[in-house]
Amino acid sequence: MDYSKVNKILPLLLLLLTSGLLTAQNEKNSKTDSIVNKLLKKGSQGINENPDKAFKYINEALQYKDAISPKQQVKLYEVTAAAYSFKQSYLLALDYYYKSLMLIKKVDTLRLHYVYNNIGCTYMQLGDSAKARKFLYKSLSELKKVIAKDKLEEKNVEAYLVYSNLAVLETNRKNYRKALEMFHIHRKHSIRLKDTFGIVSSYQNISNIFHELNQPDSSLYYSEKGIRTAKKANLFSEEAYLYFYRGENYYKSKKDSATYFLEKAFVLAKKKPLNDILLESSSLLANLYESKNNYKKAIEYLRIANSLSEKNIVSQNQKKVELLEFENEQKAKQQEALVKTQKRENIFIFSFILLVPVSLVIFLMYRLQKTKAKQRKIENQLLLQKMESKNKELTSNAIQMLQVSEQIDATRKELNHLKLTADSPTKNMLNSIIMDLRKGNHSFNKQEFEKLFIETDEEFYKKLLQEYPTLTKNEIRLCAFAKMNFSAKEISAITQQSPNSILVGRSRLRKKLGLEENQSLTAFLKNY
């Protein structure tokens, strides 16, 4: 196995695998976000008309909470919390608002003021003024930061509700001056944003505060403005409330005016119907008519008040029972979802535990491959150094043999030249010397040279014989010389064959190897 290639490919495969998983996960999240978005839209739109059906959509959306993006999770928790607030299940609402708060701090700090405001309002509903105040002022602080950064959507009416909520809180504490300041700011933003409901609500609240401050003229001024605005915009409910508060404010001081405005409030409330206005106004009207000795009217309104009071008590008790049942049902569903989540987490933990040893084995295999690759690299370097040393030795021996061969040839020529003038005994002696020179120690050098060449490139011989098994010993030797780019003269000196024989042998070898005329034998053999 080529470990160097494995070491290069493995990180690439891991990168591709990780990239593929992330892409698949992103696509999955995107699809799930779309599904959840549709469910939340249906739940939000239907909460007023059919709360049970709306919660069915919301609970279905909650099942995807772990498979959606953080931003979509924030939206999911906010819609769920708002739905619980609508059902007056404030503790469950708080739970989801806090979940939303934890996430929004990470994904979208520009919307922190909304969540703080919602938490503050929920604490107001629960009667916890201290916590309500804490979160509402946090909301105001964050709102001012967003405005300073010029990041707030100008037409977002809900952003400025914190002023109205804080004003209500300060009113409950009888801090009327602070409340008045907050209501005026809310009125200013409502006018700027053309939020008629906000404008009417501000006029109504400002009128009530001026009444508490014992400033009847200012109270009357804002009450009149509120009534005119509500009439113009056909906001009958708000008009009914304005008439009721006007009548209530006159209840002790101006009985006729109080009767007039309370009756107008009663008539408008009957059309909607607004049971709280009907109950309160009929109760006050009963007392007013009794004080005027108009007992017939007093009894009429008293009957209405008693009837509404009884219905209100029954309705409240029924709502309490329904709320209790609803909360138990929701808690059961949450518990069921928690069990499912726990099961998924257990599967994940088991998979993780299983994955750790597998990952460790893969890591150890990778390290082993890396170590083997390093070892192979060192071995190859040592082998290369050894081959270079052998090649140097081989070349040196070849040069020495060539030099000795040339010296012997020169000596033989001189001895042959002496033979021409020598007597018989001398000729015999010279012939003997020439014969010894021919044998000499060339046979030893030749064998030593071939042994050295085989040791230098043993793999060359194996590969060559594997592909061309019919090559003779002389042809293999000739291949080795050709690979080292020895000339015919150099090969002749080593093998004691004539250069002509070497050329003939090379020609035969080329045919046997199937080489074309223009193809280099040396270049061909270097591939082995």
Protein backbone atom coordinates (compact mmCIF):
# COMPACT_ATOMS: atom_id res chain seq x y z
CA MET A 1 0.00 0.00 0.00
CA ASP A 2 1.22 3.52 -0.88
CA TYR A 3 0.80 5.24 2.51
CA SER A 4 1.94 8.60 1.19
CA LYS A 5 -1.09 8.64 -1.12
CA VAL A 6 -3.38 7.53 1.72
CA ASN A 7 -2.08 10.40 3.88
CA LYS A 8 -2.93 12.87 1.11
CA ILE A 9 -6.35 11.40 0.27
CA LEU A 10 -7.64 10.81 3.84
CA PRO A 11 -7.83 14.52 4.90
CA LEU A 12 -9.47 15.34 1.55
CA LEU A 13 -12.09 12.62 2.05
CA LEU A 14 -12.78 13.86 5.59
CA LEU A 15 -13.13 17.42 4.30
CA LEU A 16 -15.51 16.33 1.54
CA LEU A 17 -17.51 14.21 3.99
CA THR A 18 -17.77 17.08 6.50
CA SER A 19 -18.69 19.54 3.74
CA GLY A 20 -21.32 17.14 2.40
CA LEU A 21 -22.82 16.62 5.85
CA LEU A 22 -22.93 20.38 6.52
CA THR A 23 -24.57 21.05 3.14
CA ALA A 24 -27.12 18.30 3.74
CA GLN A 25 -27.78 19.61 7.26
CA ASN A 26 -28.23 23.20 5.98
CA GLU A 27 -30.67 22.00 3.29
CA LYS A 28 -32.57 19.97 5.89
CA ASN A 29 -32.71 22.99 8.27
CA SER A 30 -33.96 25.21 5.45
CA LYS A 31 -36.80 22.80 4.59
CA THR A 32 -37.73 22.35 8.26
CA ASP A 33 -37.68 26.15 8.80
CA SER A 34 -40.20 26.49 5.96
CA ILE A 35 -42.51 23.84 7.48
CA VAL A 36 -42.33 25.47 10.94
CA ASN A 37 -42.94 28.92 9.44
CA LYS A 38 -46.19 27.74 7.81
CA LEU A 39 -47.38 26.09 11.03
CA LEU A 40 -46.65 29.23 13.08
CA LYS A 41 -48.47 31.40 10.57
CA LYS A 42 -51.58 29.22 10.89
CA GLY A 43 -51.25 29.18 14.69
CA SER A 44 -50.85 32.98 15.00
CA GLN A 45 -53.74 33.78 12.66
CA GLY A 46 -56.14 31.33 14.30
CA ILE A 47 -55.46 32.05 17.99
CA ASN A 48 -58.41 34.49 18.29
CA GLU A 49 -60.99 32.43 16.41
CA ASN A 50 -60.07 28.87 17.37
CA PRO A 51 -57.39 28.67 20.12
CA ASP A 52 -57.51 24.84 20.33
CA LYS A 53 -56.80 24.45 16.61
CA ALA A 54 -54.13 27.17 16.80
CA PHE A 55 -52.35 25.30 19.59
CA LYS A 56 -52.49 22.13 17.53
CA TYR A 57 -50.38 23.88 14.86
CA ILE A 58 -48.06 25.41 17.47
CA ASN A 59 -47.50 22.06 19.25
CA GLU A 60 -46.75 20.45 15.89
CA ALA A 61 -44.20 23.19 15.19
CA LEU A 62 -42.60 22.64 18.62
CA GLN A 63 -41.75 19.06 17.62
CA TYR A 64 -39.24 20.49 15.11
CA LYS A 65 -37.52 22.80 17.67
CA ASP A 66 -34.20 20.87 17.57
CA ALA A 67 -34.12 20.67 13.77
CA ILE A 68 -34.50 24.37 12.89
CA SER A 69 -32.17 27.35 12.71
CA PRO A 70 -31.64 29.50 15.86
CA LYS A 71 -33.55 32.45 14.32
CA GLN A 72 -36.52 30.22 13.57
CA GLN A 73 -36.32 28.85 17.13
CA VAL A 74 -36.62 32.41 18.48
CA LYS A 75 -39.75 32.95 16.38
CA LEU A 76 -41.17 29.59 17.49
CA TYR A 77 -40.71 30.39 21.18
CA GLU A 78 -42.10 33.94 20.84
CA VAL A 79 -45.27 32.79 19.04
CA THR A 80 -45.73 29.97 21.58
CA ALA A 81 -45.28 32.40 24.51
CA ALA A 82 -47.75 34.89 22.98
CA ALA A 83 -50.30 32.10 22.51
CA TYR A 84 -49.95 31.04 26.17
CA SER A 85 -50.37 34.69 27.23
CA PHE A 86 -53.58 34.86 25.18
CA LYS A 87 -54.83 31.79 27.07
CA GLN A 88 -53.78 33.55 30.34
CA SER A 89 -51.32 30.73 31.05
CA TYR A 90 -48.64 33.22 32.09
CA LEU A 91 -46.16 30.85 33.75
CA LEU A 92 -45.91 28.73 30.60
CA ALA A 93 -45.63 31.94 28.58
CA LEU A 94 -42.72 33.07 30.77
CA ASP A 95 -40.95 29.75 30.22
CA TYR A 96 -40.93 30.27 26.44
CA TYR A 97 -40.08 33.97 26.66
CA TYR A 98 -36.99 33.05 28.69
CA LYS A 99 -36.04 30.42 26.11
CA SER A 100 -36.41 33.08 23.44
CA LEU A 101 -34.27 35.49 25.50
CA MET A 102 -31.40 32.99 25.79
CA LEU A 103 -31.31 32.49 22.01
CA ILE A 104 -31.86 36.10 20.93
CA LYS A 105 -28.82 37.22 22.93
CA LYS A 106 -26.77 35.09 20.52
CA VAL A 107 -28.52 35.62 17.17
CA ASP A 108 -30.20 39.06 17.15
CA THR A 109 -29.43 41.51 19.98
CA LEU A 110 -31.33 44.28 18.12
CA ARG A 111 -34.59 42.57 19.14
CA LEU A 112 -33.75 42.23 22.83
CA HIS A 113 -36.09 45.09 23.78
CA TYR A 114 -39.11 43.16 22.42
CA VAL A 115 -38.39 40.11 24.58
CA TYR A 116 -37.68 42.19 27.71
CA ASN A 117 -40.96 44.07 27.13
CA ASN A 118 -42.93 40.81 26.76
CA ILE A 119 -41.39 39.36 29.93
CA GLY A 120 -42.16 42.59 31.81
CA CYS A 121 -45.80 42.54 30.65
CA THR A 122 -46.16 38.89 31.69
CA TYR A 123 -44.88 39.69 35.18
CA MET A 124 -47.41 42.56 35.31
CA GLN A 125 -50.18 40.06 34.58
CA LEU A 126 -48.84 37.83 37.36
CA GLY A 127 -48.87 40.81 39.76
CA ASP A 128 -45.11 40.83 40.28
CA SER A 129 -44.48 44.60 39.96
CA ALA A 130 -40.81 44.44 40.98
CA LYS A 131 -39.83 42.01 38.20
CA ALA A 132 -42.15 43.74 35.74
CA ARG A 133 -40.41 47.05 36.43
CA LYS A 134 -36.95 45.46 36.11
CA PHE A 135 -37.62 43.96 32.67
CA LEU A 136 -39.58 46.92 31.29
CA TYR A 137 -36.73 49.31 32.11
CA LYS A 138 -34.30 46.83 30.55
CA SER A 139 -36.50 46.94 27.44
CA LEU A 140 -36.41 50.74 27.43
CA SER A 141 -32.61 50.74 27.74
CA GLU A 142 -32.20 48.31 24.82
CA LEU A 143 -34.74 50.31 22.74
CA LYS A 144 -32.69 53.49 23.21
CA LYS A 145 -29.53 51.64 22.10
CA VAL A 146 -31.25 50.46 18.90
CA ILE A 147 -32.58 53.97 18.19
CA ALA A 148 -29.06 55.39 18.74
CA LYS A 149 -27.67 52.90 16.22
CA ASP A 150 -30.43 53.90 13.77
CA LYS A 151 -31.35 50.23 13.37
CA LEU A 152 -35.00 50.34 14.44
CA GLU A 153 -37.74 49.81 11.88
CA GLU A 154 -39.59 53.15 11.90
CA LYS A 155 -43.05 51.67 11.29
CA ASN A 156 -42.81 49.10 14.04
CA VAL A 157 -45.55 50.22 16.45
CA GLU A 158 -44.85 47.41 18.93
CA ALA A 159 -41.36 48.80 19.61
CA TYR A 160 -42.80 51.77 21.55
CA LEU A 161 -45.36 49.86 23.65
CA VAL A 162 -42.79 49.74 26.45
CA TYR A 163 -43.56 53.42 27.21
CA SER A 164 -47.27 52.64 27.67
CA ASN A 165 -46.51 49.55 29.79
CA LEU A 166 -44.12 51.49 32.02
CA ALA A 167 -46.72 54.25 32.39
CA VAL A 168 -49.31 51.70 33.60
CA LEU A 169 -46.77 50.33 36.07
CA GLU A 170 -45.95 53.82 37.39
CA THR A 171 -49.71 54.61 37.62
CA ASN A 172 -50.24 51.53 39.79
CA ARG A 173 -47.48 52.85 42.06
CA LYS A 174 -49.25 56.26 42.10
CA ASN A 175 -46.16 57.78 40.49
CA TYR A 176 -48.43 59.93 38.29
CA ARG A 177 -45.86 62.46 37.04
CA LYS A 178 -43.58 59.70 35.72
CA ALA A 179 -46.59 57.89 34.24
CA LEU A 180 -47.73 61.07 32.50
CA GLU A 181 -44.28 61.54 30.97
CA MET A 182 -44.31 57.97 29.61
CA PHE A 183 -47.85 58.27 28.20
CA HIS A 184 -46.94 61.52 26.41
CA ILE A 185 -43.92 59.81 24.77
CA HIS A 186 -46.14 56.91 23.69
CA ARG A 187 -48.74 59.38 22.32
CA LYS A 188 -46.04 61.23 20.34
CA HIS A 189 -44.79 58.00 18.70
CA SER A 190 -48.37 56.83 18.05
CA ILE A 191 -49.17 60.10 16.25
CA ARG A 192 -45.92 59.85 14.25
CA LEU A 193 -46.72 56.27 13.25
CA LYS A 194 -50.43 57.06 12.65
CA ASP A 195 -51.42 54.35 15.12
CA THR A 196 -55.01 55.39 15.91
CA PHE A 197 -55.51 52.74 18.57
CA GLY A 198 -52.33 53.89 20.33
CA ILE A 199 -53.42 57.54 20.11
CA VAL A 200 -56.88 56.85 21.60
CA SER A 201 -55.36 54.65 24.32
CA SER A 202 -52.89 57.41 25.23
CA TYR A 203 -55.64 60.08 25.43
CA GLN A 204 -57.71 57.81 27.65
CA ASN A 205 -54.82 57.08 30.04
CA ILE A 206 -53.63 60.71 30.14
CA SER A 207 -57.18 61.83 30.96
CA ASN A 208 -57.35 59.34 33.87
CA ILE A 209 -54.02 60.53 35.27
CA PHE A 210 -55.07 64.19 35.17
CA HIS A 211 -58.20 63.15 37.06
CA GLU A 212 -56.01 61.50 39.71
CA LEU A 213 -53.92 64.69 39.84
CA ASN A 214 -57.14 66.64 40.44
CA GLN A 215 -56.86 68.58 37.17
CA PRO A 216 -60.42 68.23 35.74
CA ASP A 217 -59.93 70.64 32.82
CA SER A 218 -56.92 68.73 31.46
CA SER A 219 -58.72 65.44 32.10
CA LEU A 220 -61.78 66.67 30.16
CA TYR A 221 -59.58 68.00 27.31
CA TYR A 222 -57.86 64.63 26.66
CA SER A 223 -61.09 62.70 27.18
CA GLU A 224 -62.82 64.79 24.50
CA LYS A 225 -59.87 64.33 22.12
CA GLY A 226 -59.97 60.58 22.71
CA ILE A 227 -63.74 60.35 22.08
CA ARG A 228 -63.52 62.38 18.85
CA THR A 229 -60.61 60.28 17.55
CA ALA A 230 -62.33 56.98 18.46
CA LYS A 231 -65.59 58.07 16.76
CA LYS A 232 -63.76 59.14 13.62
CA ALA A 233 -61.94 55.81 13.42
CA ASN A 234 -65.02 53.72 14.38
CA LEU A 235 -63.23 52.32 17.43
CA PHE A 236 -66.45 51.56 19.35
CA SER A 237 -64.80 49.61 22.14
CA GLU A 238 -62.31 52.40 22.89
CA GLU A 239 -65.17 54.96 22.70
CA ALA A 240 -67.17 52.92 25.23
CA TYR A 241 -64.20 52.82 27.63
CA LEU A 242 -63.68 56.59 27.25
CA TYR A 243 -67.34 57.26 28.10
CA PHE A 244 -67.16 54.89 31.07
CA TYR A 245 -64.04 56.50 32.55
CA ARG A 246 -65.56 59.96 31.98
CA GLY A 247 -68.73 58.89 33.82
CA GLU A 248 -66.72 57.20 36.57
CA ASN A 249 -64.65 60.38 37.09
CA TYR A 250 -67.89 62.42 37.44
CA TYR A 251 -69.54 59.82 39.72
CA LYS A 252 -68.91 61.65 42.98
CA SER A 253 -68.99 65.27 41.82
CA LYS A 254 -71.43 65.54 38.89
CA LYS A 255 -74.13 62.90 39.12
CA ASP A 256 -76.09 64.02 36.04
CA SER A 257 -72.99 64.09 33.85
CA ALA A 258 -71.89 60.76 35.30
CA THR A 259 -75.31 59.24 34.44
CA TYR A 260 -75.17 60.63 30.91
CA PHE A 261 -71.70 59.23 30.11
CA LEU A 262 -72.25 55.91 31.87
CA GLU A 263 -75.47 55.31 29.89
CA LYS A 264 -73.64 56.11 26.63
CA ALA A 265 -70.92 53.65 27.67
CA PHE A 266 -73.58 51.04 28.53
CA VAL A 267 -75.28 51.37 25.10
CA LEU A 268 -71.98 51.04 23.19
CA ALA A 269 -70.82 48.14 25.39
CA LYS A 270 -74.10 46.30 24.75
CA LYS A 271 -73.44 46.33 20.98
CA LYS A 272 -70.03 44.65 21.19
CA PRO A 273 -70.68 43.23 23.91
CA LEU A 274 -68.12 44.41 26.49
CA ASN A 275 -69.18 42.58 29.67
CA ASP A 276 -66.76 44.37 31.98
CA ILE A 277 -68.08 47.82 30.91
CA LEU A 278 -71.69 46.55 31.10
CA LEU A 279 -71.17 45.22 34.63
CA GLU A 280 -69.32 48.27 35.98
CA SER A 281 -71.53 50.88 34.31
CA SER A 282 -74.84 49.14 35.29
CA SER A 283 -73.63 48.85 38.89
CA LEU A 284 -72.75 52.58 39.05
CA LEU A 285 -75.98 53.55 37.27
CA ALA A 286 -78.02 51.54 39.80
CA ASN A 287 -76.44 53.56 42.61
CA LEU A 288 -76.89 56.86 40.78
CA TYR A 289 -80.60 56.27 40.10
CA GLU A 290 -81.15 55.11 43.66
CA SER A 291 -79.61 58.40 44.92
CA LYS A 292 -82.08 60.23 42.67
CA ASN A 293 -84.98 58.16 44.07
CA ASN A 294 -85.61 56.66 40.63
CA TYR A 295 -86.00 53.15 42.02
CA LYS A 296 -87.45 51.67 38.86
CA LYS A 297 -84.32 52.50 36.90
CA ALA A 298 -82.13 51.58 39.86
CA ILE A 299 -83.72 48.10 40.12
CA GLU A 300 -83.46 47.61 36.35
CA TYR A 301 -79.73 48.33 36.34
CA LEU A 302 -79.24 46.41 39.58
CA ARG A 303 -80.79 43.30 38.02
CA ILE A 304 -78.54 43.66 35.01
CA ALA A 305 -75.50 44.13 37.28
CA ASN A 306 -76.42 41.07 39.41
CA SER A 307 -77.07 38.95 36.36
CA LEU A 308 -73.78 40.00 34.78
CA SER A 309 -71.97 39.50 38.08
CA GLU A 310 -73.29 35.94 38.37
CA LYS A 311 -72.42 35.21 34.77
CA ASN A 312 -69.01 36.77 35.33
CA ILE A 313 -68.38 34.57 38.38
CA VAL A 314 -69.49 31.44 36.48
CA SER A 315 -67.42 32.49 33.47
CA GLN A 316 -64.35 33.15 35.61
CA ASN A 317 -64.69 29.81 37.39
CA GLN A 318 -65.15 28.06 34.06
CA LYS A 319 -62.11 29.84 32.69
CA LYS A 320 -60.08 28.78 35.72
CA VAL A 321 -61.10 25.15 35.23
CA GLU A 322 -60.38 25.35 31.49
CA LEU A 323 -57.05 27.02 32.18
CA LEU A 324 -56.13 24.34 34.70
CA GLU A 325 -57.08 21.57 32.24
CA PHE A 326 -55.26 23.36 29.44
CA GLU A 327 -52.08 23.79 31.49
CA ASN A 328 -52.15 20.14 32.60
CA GLU A 329 -52.61 19.07 28.98
CA GLN A 330 -49.74 21.30 27.83
CA LYS A 331 -47.47 20.08 30.62
CA ALA A 332 -48.28 16.48 29.64
CA LYS A 333 -47.35 17.27 26.05
CA GLN A 334 -44.16 18.96 27.21
CA GLN A 335 -43.33 15.91 29.32
CA GLU A 336 -43.97 13.64 26.34
CA ALA A 337 -41.74 15.83 24.16
CA LEU A 338 -39.09 15.77 26.91
CA VAL A 339 -39.17 11.96 27.00
CA LYS A 340 -38.76 11.85 23.21
CA THR A 341 -35.89 14.32 23.41
CA GLN A 342 -34.29 12.24 26.17
CA LYS A 343 -34.56 9.13 24.00
CA ARG A 344 -32.92 10.96 21.10
CA GLU A 345 -30.19 12.21 23.43
CA ASN A 346 -29.63 8.67 24.73
CA ILE A 347 -29.32 7.40 21.16
CA PHE A 348 -26.91 10.25 20.44
CA ILE A 349 -24.84 9.49 23.56
CA PHE A 350 -24.76 5.77 22.69
CA SER A 351 -23.72 6.61 19.13
CA PHE A 352 -21.07 8.97 20.46
CA ILE A 353 -19.75 6.30 22.86
CA LEU A 354 -19.62 3.87 19.94
CA LEU A 355 -18.04 6.46 17.69
CA VAL A 356 -15.18 7.26 20.10
CA PRO A 357 -13.42 3.84 19.87
CA VAL A 358 -14.08 3.69 16.11
CA SER A 359 -12.59 7.16 15.71
CA LEU A 360 -9.67 6.13 17.91
CA VAL A 361 -9.02 3.06 15.76
CA ILE A 362 -9.18 5.19 12.59
CA PHE A 363 -6.85 7.75 14.17
CA LEU A 364 -4.38 5.03 15.25
CA MET A 365 -4.51 3.48 11.75
CA TYR A 366 -3.87 6.90 10.27
CA ARG A 367 -0.91 7.43 12.63
CA LEU A 368 0.40 3.95 11.82
CA GLN A 369 0.13 4.64 8.10
CA LYS A 370 1.91 7.95 8.61
CA THR A 371 4.69 6.25 10.62
CA LYS A 372 5.08 3.54 7.99
CA ALA A 373 5.19 6.16 5.27
CA LYS A 374 7.97 8.00 7.13
CA GLN A 375 9.81 4.70 7.67
CA ARG A 376 9.45 3.83 3.97
CA LYS A 377 10.75 7.27 3.05
CA ILE A 378 13.82 6.81 5.29
CA GLU A 379 14.39 3.31 3.86
CA ASN A 380 14.13 4.67 0.32
CA GLN A 381 16.61 7.41 1.13
CA LEU A 382 19.06 4.87 2.60
CA LEU A 383 18.57 2.59 -0.41
CA LEU A 384 19.16 5.52 -2.75
CA GLN A 385 22.34 6.44 -0.90
CA LYS A 386 23.46 2.79 -1.08
CA MET A 387 22.72 2.63 -4.81
CA GLU A 388 24.57 5.87 -5.41
CA SER A 389 27.57 4.44 -3.51
CA LYS A 390 27.40 1.18 -5.53
CA ASN A 391 27.05 3.10 -8.78
CA LYS A 392 30.13 5.13 -7.94
CA GLU A 393 31.99 1.94 -7.09
CA LEU A 394 30.74 0.28 -10.29
CA THR A 395 31.76 3.22 -12.44
CA SER A 396 35.17 3.37 -10.72
CA ASN A 397 35.72 -0.34 -11.34
CA ALA A 398 34.64 0.00 -14.96
CA ILE A 399 37.12 2.86 -15.48
CA GLN A 400 39.91 0.91 -13.77
CA MET A 401 39.16 -2.17 -15.89
CA LEU A 402 39.13 -0.03 -19.01
CA GLN A 403 42.49 1.53 -18.07
CA VAL A 404 44.02 -1.90 -17.27
CA SER A 405 42.64 -3.30 -20.52
CA GLU A 406 44.18 -0.45 -22.51
CA GLN A 407 47.56 -0.94 -20.76
CA ILE A 408 47.46 -4.69 -21.44
CA ASP A 409 46.59 -4.05 -25.12
CA ALA A 410 49.52 -1.66 -25.40
CA THR A 411 51.87 -4.19 -23.71
CA ARG A 412 50.67 -6.99 -26.01
CA LYS A 413 51.34 -4.85 -29.08
CA GLU A 414 54.88 -4.12 -27.86
CA LEU A 415 55.53 -7.81 -27.10
CA ASN A 416 54.22 -8.84 -30.54
CA HIS A 417 56.55 -6.25 -32.06
CA LEU A 418 59.55 -7.79 -30.11
CA LYS A 419 58.61 -11.26 -31.39
CA LEU A 420 59.49 -10.18 -34.92
CA THR A 421 63.24 -9.88 -34.04
CA ALA A 422 63.50 -12.45 -31.23
CA ASP A 423 64.98 -15.97 -31.46
CA SER A 424 62.97 -19.13 -30.89
CA PRO A 425 63.39 -19.50 -27.11
CA THR A 426 62.56 -15.81 -26.66
CA LYS A 427 59.49 -16.11 -28.94
CA ASN A 428 58.22 -19.02 -26.88
CA MET A 429 58.67 -17.02 -23.70
CA LEU A 430 56.93 -13.96 -25.23
CA ASN A 431 54.01 -16.09 -26.45
CA SER A 432 53.64 -17.49 -22.94
CA ILE A 433 53.63 -13.95 -21.48
CA ILE A 434 51.06 -12.79 -24.06
CA MET A 435 48.80 -15.74 -23.23
CA ASP A 436 49.04 -14.94 -19.50
CA LEU A 437 48.20 -11.32 -20.21
CA ARG A 438 45.10 -12.39 -22.13
CA LYS A 439 43.90 -14.47 -19.21
CA GLY A 440 45.32 -12.17 -16.51
CA ASN A 441 42.98 -11.30 -13.73
CA HIS A 442 40.27 -9.98 -16.09
CA SER A 443 38.05 -12.95 -15.36
CA PHE A 444 38.07 -12.07 -11.65
CA ASN A 445 37.41 -8.38 -12.32
CA LYS A 446 34.65 -9.24 -14.75
CA GLN A 447 32.89 -11.51 -12.25
CA GLU A 448 33.31 -8.98 -9.47
CA PHE A 449 31.90 -6.24 -11.75
CA GLU A 450 28.80 -8.29 -12.66
CA LYS A 451 28.20 -9.23 -9.00
CA LEU A 452 28.42 -5.55 -8.02
CA PHE A 453 25.98 -4.54 -10.79
CA ILE A 454 23.41 -7.13 -9.71
CA GLU A 455 23.62 -5.89 -6.10
CA THR A 456 23.26 -2.29 -7.28
CA ASP A 457 20.04 -2.79 -9.21
CA GLU A 458 18.58 -6.20 -8.39
CA GLU A 459 15.02 -4.98 -9.10
CA PHE A 460 16.09 -4.12 -12.66
CA TYR A 461 16.95 -7.75 -13.42
CA LYS A 462 13.68 -9.04 -11.91
CA LYS A 463 11.47 -6.67 -13.88
CA LEU A 464 13.35 -7.25 -17.13
CA LEU A 465 13.21 -11.07 -16.90
CA GLN A 466 9.54 -10.91 -15.85
CA GLU A 467 8.65 -9.15 -19.10
CA TYR A 468 11.27 -10.77 -21.34
CA PRO A 469 11.95 -14.28 -19.92
CA THR A 470 13.81 -15.49 -23.09
CA LEU A 471 16.77 -13.09 -22.62
CA THR A 472 20.16 -14.85 -22.34
CA LYS A 473 22.78 -14.11 -19.69
CA ASN A 474 24.90 -12.15 -22.17
CA GLU A 475 21.85 -10.15 -23.33
CA ILE A 476 20.91 -9.31 -19.74
CA ARG A 477 24.48 -8.16 -19.13
CA LEU A 478 24.35 -6.07 -22.30
CA CYS A 479 21.04 -4.51 -21.07
CA ALA A 480 22.74 -3.54 -17.82
CA PHE A 481 25.63 -1.84 -19.65
CA ALA A 482 23.21 -0.10 -22.01
CA LYS A 483 21.18 1.22 -19.07
CA MET A 484 24.35 2.80 -17.63
CA ASN A 485 24.98 4.31 -21.10
CA PHE A 486 28.33 2.51 -21.59
CA SER A 487 29.79 2.78 -25.09
CA ALA A 488 30.65 -0.25 -27.26
CA LYS A 489 34.36 0.40 -26.60
CA GLU A 490 33.79 0.47 -22.79
CA ILE A 491 31.70 -2.73 -22.91
CA SER A 492 34.35 -4.39 -25.11
CA ALA A 493 37.08 -3.56 -22.57
CA ILE A 494 35.07 -5.08 -19.71
CA THR A 495 33.72 -8.18 -21.51
CA GLN A 496 36.83 -8.84 -23.70
CA GLN A 497 34.59 -8.91 -26.80
CA SER A 498 35.30 -6.94 -29.94
CA PRO A 499 33.42 -3.66 -30.41
CA ASN A 500 31.93 -5.13 -33.60
CA SER A 501 30.50 -8.07 -31.65
CA ILE A 502 29.03 -5.65 -29.14
CA LEU A 503 27.28 -3.68 -31.92
CA VAL A 504 25.86 -6.87 -33.44
CA GLY A 505 24.68 -8.00 -29.97
CA ARG A 506 22.98 -4.64 -29.36
CA SER A 507 21.19 -4.85 -32.72
CA ARG A 508 19.85 -8.33 -31.90
CA LEU A 509 18.83 -7.16 -28.42
CA ARG A 510 16.82 -4.23 -29.86
CA LYS A 511 14.86 -6.64 -32.11
CA LYS A 512 14.21 -8.95 -29.19
CA LEU A 513 12.91 -6.04 -27.10
CA GLY A 514 10.74 -4.89 -30.05
CA LEU A 515 12.31 -1.42 -30.33
CA GLU A 516 11.89 0.82 -33.36
CA GLU A 517 14.92 2.21 -35.22
CA ASN A 518 14.63 5.72 -33.79
CA GLN A 519 13.96 4.51 -30.20
CA SER A 520 16.83 4.81 -27.69
CA LEU A 521 17.84 1.53 -26.00
CA THR A 522 19.24 3.40 -22.96
CA ALA A 523 16.07 5.48 -22.51
CA PHE A 524 13.91 2.34 -22.87
CA LEU A 525 15.86 0.39 -20.22
CA LYS A 526 15.82 3.25 -17.70
CA ASN A 527 12.08 2.58 -17.24
CA TYR A 528 12.94 -0.72 -15.49
